Amino acid sequence: MVFSSKLSLTNLKNPVNYIVRPPELPSPNPRTLVVLHGYGADEHDLVPIAEQLDPRLLIISIQAPIELLQGGYAWYHLKQLATGLVPDDLSRHESEDLLVHELAAIIRSEGGDPSNVILMGFSQGAAMSYSLVSTYNLAQYGLGVRAVIAMSGYLPRDILGAVSQKDFAGLLFFLSHGEYDELIPNIALEEASRLLSRAGASVTHKMYQTGHGVLPETIEDIQSWYSKLGLTI
């Protein structure tokens, strides 16, 4: 599979780097799967998973804006405190603002439909996905998210109030987590499922016998979930 490297030029001060996999089965205005990788990875990391979902999808996998000294990229910083690592909300918000202002233009430039989007995120990318659909009026930015796939993620503490007040009716979620996750406690899965369901979302969630990662079984379950949604391209 050949991917084309792209660069959004609509925000020259802070451009968005991303790669694209065009639909294998072309269709006009295809649904777009927007992929957000985890801490220390890059835009190539989740594409092998994403491309197994549906050959009709336009896949846009985005590189997080923060380059790490040890290699890879991050959506937000992690601060080391005496109690452990703590997510930096300010840098997360900066990345979110960059995405919501750029994403519709990127999707349109690649021939997709920004009103017909699925978000897929792992770890930090999952936290970003939760925050984007909870704290932003995405329609104001020309975006329509139909479903969210959140793997090994968590609801950031600063969005819990927004989640409780949101009407998620009609929004579909698939949540996965590793029972032995050493980085994000597995109780994050139950919390997200409970709060999102309470806000009206349709939530499918599953715990897996793994750590902070994705099993082939996870991918199979995402495929099965997606095939039963009844979403039309």
Foldseek 3Di string as FASTA:
>chain_A
DDKDWDWDCPPVVQIWTKIKDAQPDEDAQFEEEEEEEAPQAFQVVCVVLVCVQHSHYIYIGTGARAADPVHGGHQFDWDQDPVGTDTDVVSNVVRLVVCLQGVCVVQVVVRHQQQRYEYEYAARSLQSVLCNVQPDPSVVSRHHYQEYEYEAYAHPPVRLVSLQPAQQARYEYEYEYEPAAPPRHPVRQVVVQVSNVNNHYHYHYDYDPDYRDDDPVNSVVSNVVSVPPPDDD
